[in-house]
C-alpha atoms as a PDB file:
ATOM      1  CA  MET A   1       0.052  -0.123  -0.003  1.00  0.00           C
ATOM      2  CA  CYS A   2       1.123   3.508  -0.754  1.00  0.00           C
ATOM      3  CA  ARG A   3       1.929   5.474   2.498  1.00  0.00           C
ATOM      4  CA  GLU A   4       0.230   8.584   1.011  1.00  0.00           C
ATOM      5  CA  LYS A   5      -3.070   6.732   1.034  1.00  0.00           C
ATOM      6  CA  LEU A   6      -2.774   5.932   4.652  1.00  0.00           C
ATOM      7  CA  THR A   7      -1.975   9.273   5.999  1.00  0.00           C
ATOM      8  CA  ARG A   8      -3.511  11.835   3.614  1.00  0.00           C
ATOM      9  CA  ARG A   9      -6.960  13.244   4.417  1.00  0.00           C
ATOM     10  CA  ARG A  10      -9.360  13.495   1.572  1.00  0.00           C
ATOM     11  CA  LEU A  11     -11.075  16.557   2.950  1.00  0.00           C
ATOM     12  CA  PRO A  12      -9.160  19.639   4.271  1.00  0.00           C
ATOM     13  CA  THR A  13      -9.407  20.284   7.970  1.00  0.00           C
ATOM     14  CA  HIS A  14      -8.970  23.889   7.676  1.00  0.00           C
ATOM     15  CA  SER A  15     -11.588  26.599   7.023  1.00  0.00           C
ATOM     16  CA  VAL A  16     -11.238  26.840   3.197  1.00  0.00           C
ATOM     17  CA  GLY A  17     -14.447  25.859   1.638  1.00  0.00           C
ATOM     18  CA  MET A  18     -16.135  24.859   4.961  1.00  0.00           C
ATOM     19  CA  PRO A  19     -19.849  25.491   4.930  1.00  0.00           C
ATOM     20  CA  PRO A  20     -21.098  28.018   7.470  1.00  0.00           C
ATOM     21  CA  VAL A  21     -21.533  26.756  11.018  1.00  0.00           C
ATOM     22  CA  ASP A  22     -24.618  27.317  13.033  1.00  0.00           C
ATOM     23  CA  VAL A  23     -24.773  27.598  16.780  1.00  0.00           C
ATOM     24  CA  TYR A  24     -26.484  24.270  17.271  1.00  0.00           C
ATOM     25  CA  SER A  25     -23.871  22.337  15.236  1.00  0.00           C
ATOM     26  CA  ALA A  26     -21.032  24.110  17.170  1.00  0.00           C
ATOM     27  CA  LEU A  27     -22.582  23.122  20.434  1.00  0.00           C
ATOM     28  CA  ALA A  28     -23.161  19.505  19.395  1.00  0.00           C
ATOM     29  CA  ASN A  29     -19.614  18.503  20.157  1.00  0.00           C
ATOM     30  CA  PRO A  30     -18.649  18.078  23.767  1.00  0.00           C
ATOM     31  CA  VAL A  31     -15.123  19.437  23.273  1.00  0.00           C
ATOM     32  CA  ARG A  32     -16.499  22.569  22.003  1.00  0.00           C
ATOM     33  CA  ARG A  33     -18.985  22.943  24.918  1.00  0.00           C
ATOM     34  CA  LYS A  34     -15.975  22.294  27.306  1.00  0.00           C
ATOM     35  CA  LEU A  35     -14.039  25.154  25.449  1.00  0.00           C
ATOM     36  CA  LEU A  36     -16.897  27.455  25.967  1.00  0.00           C
ATOM     37  CA  GLU A  37     -17.007  26.573  29.703  1.00  0.00           C
ATOM     38  CA  GLY A  38     -13.334  27.283  29.953  1.00  0.00           C
ATOM     39  CA  LEU A  39     -13.780  30.800  28.523  1.00  0.00           C
ATOM     40  CA  MET A  40     -16.561  31.670  31.060  1.00  0.00           C
ATOM     41  CA  GLY A  41     -13.970  33.101  33.336  1.00  0.00           C
ATOM     42  CA  GLY A  42     -12.423  35.424  30.629  1.00  0.00           C
ATOM     43  CA  ALA A  43     -10.154  35.480  27.748  1.00  0.00           C
ATOM     44  CA  ARG A  44      -7.557  32.616  27.467  1.00  0.00           C
ATOM     45  CA  ALA A  45      -4.747  31.806  25.139  1.00  0.00           C
ATOM     46  CA  ALA A  46      -5.293  28.973  22.599  1.00  0.00           C
ATOM     47  CA  GLY A  47      -2.264  26.977  24.140  1.00  0.00           C
ATOM     48  CA  ASP A  48      -3.820  27.341  27.626  1.00  0.00           C
ATOM     49  CA  LEU A  49      -7.090  25.931  26.410  1.00  0.00           C
ATOM     50  CA  ALA A  50      -5.378  23.167  24.604  1.00  0.00           C
ATOM     51  CA  GLY A  51      -3.591  22.061  27.706  1.00  0.00           C
ATOM     52  CA  GLU A  52      -6.932  21.059  29.293  1.00  0.00           C
ATOM     53  CA  PHE A  53      -7.516  18.328  26.659  1.00  0.00           C
ATOM     54  CA  SER A  54      -5.822  15.182  25.593  1.00  0.00           C
ATOM     55  CA  LEU A  55      -6.088  16.447  22.087  1.00  0.00           C
ATOM     56  CA  SER A  56      -3.298  17.865  19.873  1.00  0.00           C
ATOM     57  CA  ARG A  57      -3.066  21.756  19.521  1.00  0.00           C
ATOM     58  CA  PRO A  58      -4.149  21.622  15.927  1.00  0.00           C
ATOM     59  CA  ALA A  59      -7.287  19.646  16.876  1.00  0.00           C
ATOM     60  CA  VAL A  60      -8.260  22.128  19.652  1.00  0.00           C
ATOM     61  CA  SER A  61      -7.483  24.938  17.054  1.00  0.00           C
ATOM     62  CA  GLU A  62     -10.050  23.420  14.709  1.00  0.00           C
ATOM     63  CA  HIS A  63     -12.622  23.196  17.302  1.00  0.00           C
ATOM     64  CA  LEU A  64     -11.857  26.985  18.168  1.00  0.00           C
ATOM     65  CA  SER A  65     -12.234  27.735  14.552  1.00  0.00           C
ATOM     66  CA  VAL A  66     -15.741  26.125  14.369  1.00  0.00           C
ATOM     67  CA  LEU A  67     -16.687  28.125  17.426  1.00  0.00           C
ATOM     68  CA  LYS A  68     -15.335  31.286  15.856  1.00  0.00           C
ATOM     69  CA  LYS A  69     -17.385  30.646  12.651  1.00  0.00           C
ATOM     70  CA  ALA A  70     -20.505  30.129  14.701  1.00  0.00           C
ATOM     71  CA  GLY A  71     -19.790  33.462  16.342  1.00  0.00           C
ATOM     72  CA  LEU A  72     -19.494  31.980  19.790  1.00  0.00           C
ATOM     73  CA  VAL A  73     -15.877  33.131  20.398  1.00  0.00           C
ATOM     74  CA  ARG A  74     -13.794  36.041  19.219  1.00  0.00           C
ATOM     75  CA  GLU A  75     -10.033  35.696  18.399  1.00  0.00           C
ATOM     76  CA  GLU A  76      -7.602  38.426  19.560  1.00  0.00           C
ATOM     77  CA  PRO A  77      -4.046  38.129  18.362  1.00  0.00           C
ATOM     78  CA  ARG A  78      -1.346  39.378  21.062  1.00  0.00           C
ATOM     79  CA  GLY A  79       2.121  38.837  19.690  1.00  0.00           C
ATOM     80  CA  ARG A  80       2.639  35.250  19.036  1.00  0.00           C
ATOM     81  CA  HIS A  81      -0.382  34.153  20.833  1.00  0.00           C
ATOM     82  CA  ARG A  82      -4.119  34.082  20.148  1.00  0.00           C
ATOM     83  CA  TYR A  83      -6.660  34.751  22.965  1.00  0.00           C
ATOM     84  CA  TYR A  84     -10.035  33.665  22.659  1.00  0.00           C
ATOM     85  CA  HIS A  85     -13.075  35.568  24.226  1.00  0.00           C
ATOM     86  CA  LEU A  86     -16.594  34.153  24.849  1.00  0.00           C
ATOM     87  CA  GLN A  87     -19.187  35.782  22.655  1.00  0.00           C
ATOM     88  CA  PRO A  88     -22.470  34.827  24.526  1.00  0.00           C
ATOM     89  CA  GLU A  89     -24.950  36.659  22.224  1.00  0.00           C
ATOM     90  CA  PRO A  90     -25.576  33.639  19.905  1.00  0.00           C
ATOM     91  CA  LEU A  91     -26.402  31.570  22.981  1.00  0.00           C
ATOM     92  CA  ALA A  92     -29.611  33.770  23.346  1.00  0.00           C
ATOM     93  CA  GLU A  93     -30.888  32.001  20.088  1.00  0.00           C
ATOM     94  CA  VAL A  94     -30.606  28.614  21.831  1.00  0.00           C
ATOM     95  CA  GLY A  95     -32.222  30.017  24.977  1.00  0.00           C
ATOM     96  CA  ALA A  96     -35.080  31.359  22.958  1.00  0.00           C
ATOM     97  CA  TRP A  97     -35.529  28.054  21.260  1.00  0.00           C
ATOM     98  CA  LEU A  98     -35.434  26.106  24.496  1.00  0.00           C
ATOM     99  CA  HIS A  99     -37.824  28.499  26.185  1.00  0.00           C
ATOM    100  CA  PRO A 100     -41.101  26.806  25.146  1.00  0.00           C
ATOM    101  CA  PHE A 101     -39.850  23.444  26.539  1.00  0.00           C
ATOM    102  CA  GLU A 102     -38.811  24.933  29.839  1.00  0.00           C
ATOM    103  CA  HIS A 103     -42.033  24.020  31.587  1.00  0.00           C
ATOM    104  CA  TYR A 104     -41.512  20.332  30.976  1.00  0.00           C
ATOM    105  CA  TRP A 105     -38.249  20.090  32.590  1.00  0.00           C
ATOM    106  CA  ARG A 106     -39.172  22.434  35.342  1.00  0.00           C
ATOM    107  CA  ALA A 107     -42.054  20.184  36.347  1.00  0.00           C
ATOM    108  CA  ARG A 108     -39.798  17.198  36.179  1.00  0.00           C
ATOM    109  CA  MET A 109     -37.034  18.921  38.287  1.00  0.00           C
ATOM    110  CA  GLY A 110     -39.603  19.944  40.906  1.00  0.00           C
ATOM    111  CA  ALA A 111     -40.866  16.422  41.129  1.00  0.00           C
ATOM    112  CA  LEU A 112     -37.305  15.094  41.530  1.00  0.00           C
ATOM    113  CA  SER A 113     -36.760  17.819  44.262  1.00  0.00           C
ATOM    114  CA  ASP A 114     -39.772  16.543  46.202  1.00  0.00           C
ATOM    115  CA  VAL A 115     -38.665  12.930  46.017  1.00  0.00           C
ATOM    116  CA  LEU A 116     -35.089  13.912  47.139  1.00  0.00           C
ATOM    117  CA  ASP A 117     -36.677  15.901  49.974  1.00  0.00           C
ATOM    118  CA  GLU A 118     -38.714  12.859  51.084  1.00  0.00           C
ATOM    119  CA  ILE A 119     -35.623  10.601  50.913  1.00  0.00           C
ATOM    120  CA  THR A 120     -33.572  13.155  52.907  1.00  0.00           C
ATOM    121  CA  ILE A 121     -36.160  13.631  55.587  1.00  0.00           C
ATOM    122  CA  GLY A 122     -36.660   9.801  56.007  1.00  0.00           C
ATOM    123  CA  ALA A 123     -32.936   8.972  56.326  1.00  0.00           C
ATOM    124  CA  GLY A 124     -32.093  12.038  58.294  1.00  0.00           C
ATOM    125  CA  THR A 125     -33.815  11.422  61.661  1.00  0.00           C
ATOM    126  CA  GLY A 126     -35.915   8.301  61.112  1.00  0.00           C
ATOM    127  CA  SER A 127     -39.106  10.209  61.818  1.00  0.00           C
ATOM    128  CA  ASN A 128     -41.238  12.238  59.468  1.00  0.00           C
ATOM    129  CA  THR A 129     -41.542  15.736  60.817  1.00  0.00           C
ATOM    130  CA  SER A 130     -43.902  16.799  58.083  1.00  0.00           C
ATOM    131  CA  THR A 131     -46.796  14.561  59.465  1.00  0.00           C
ATOM    132  CA  GLY A 132     -46.096  15.603  63.020  1.00  0.00           C
ATOM    133  CA  ALA A 133     -44.639  12.320  64.023  1.00  0.00           C
ATOM    134  CA  GLY A 134     -42.178  13.142  66.696  1.00  0.00           C
ATOM    135  CA  ALA A 135     -40.173  11.572  69.371  1.00  0.00           C
ATOM    136  CA  GLY A 136     -42.239   9.094  71.430  1.00  0.00           C
ATOM    137  CA  SER A 137     -45.017   8.605  68.781  1.00  0.00           C
ATOM    138  CA  THR A 138     -45.256   5.652  66.451  1.00  0.00           C
ATOM    139  CA  SER A 139     -46.179   6.140  62.895  1.00  0.00           C
ATOM    140  CA  THR A 140     -47.229   3.593  60.495  1.00  0.00           C
ATOM    141  CA  SER A 141     -46.623   3.468  56.718  1.00  0.00           C
ATOM    142  CA  LYS A 142     -49.264   3.206  54.044  1.00  0.00           C
ATOM    143  CA  ASP A 143     -49.225  -0.534  54.058  1.00  0.00           C
ATOM    144  CA  GLY A 144     -49.943  -0.632  57.875  1.00  0.00           C
ATOM    145  CA  SER A 145     -46.376  -1.693  58.986  1.00  0.00           C
ATOM    146  CA  PRO A 146     -44.777   0.254  61.839  1.00  0.00           C
END
């Protein structure tokens, strides 16, 4: 086999000829989401961001390029380094899209919170303070067992 066939990519990985990237496509990748989380504290150098991943610097650079094309980050050259800043404005589009679905997950999270409160109260003292069962009183469960 020819070595060139094994190592040469058919499609370029750089930005030439890449189709436009929408916010949803950019957020679909967990590495890019983690990069955005890393930028929440302020601008950071590309090399600094790359150090948090087990990926090569060129691979992280490609992810940053996708985020830049989606308008989620802004690149600022400073000497030999490139600093990236979070641009949160496009995330408003995602928030607006998610807003109609919010009542579904709020109701589910409320129900989960209620269950966790019940478990915590039951495990904490062994008595259920919400029903008035205190020290010295015997309470029974729904099935009649003490």
